[in-house]
Amino acid sequence: QVQLVESGGGVVQAGNSVSLSCVASGRSWRSEMYAMGWFRQAPGKDREFVAAITFNSGDIRYAPSVKDRFTISRDNAKNTVYLEMNNLKPEDSAVYYCAADNSATIPPLGYAYDYSGQGTQVTVSS
């Protein structure tokens, strides 16, 4: 099993920045075995892909809506993946979820990752 715990959410004004963290742990956790991703879900909407990164950071992908504003990174020594969010917009408001997939490559869009955290709320006020 793998446990994922997100932190760093909160209320922020539009145009400002927020950093999220996700710490992984558990008997099955090995950084080199997992691709990591961030997803978000706003009220009344489906969960959507935000960003993903392979275990060695060799492949990184973003949703078009966040590209050039958000940065995903990971520190395998700390079992942590980060999401730096800049120039936030009200439409970025959502619960943000960290996810892990036992794969050397980034899963295709729509694929259900093996593990997901409980989420952290980000609210962007205008």
Foldseek 3Di string as FASTA:
>chain_A
DKAKDKDWADEEAAQAKTKMKIAMDDPPDQLQQKKKFKWWDDPPDDIFGAKIAFSVRPDIDGDPVQPPFWDWDDDRVRRMIMIIGGRDDQVVWTWMKMAIARDRDDDDTPDDGPDIHPTDTHGYHD
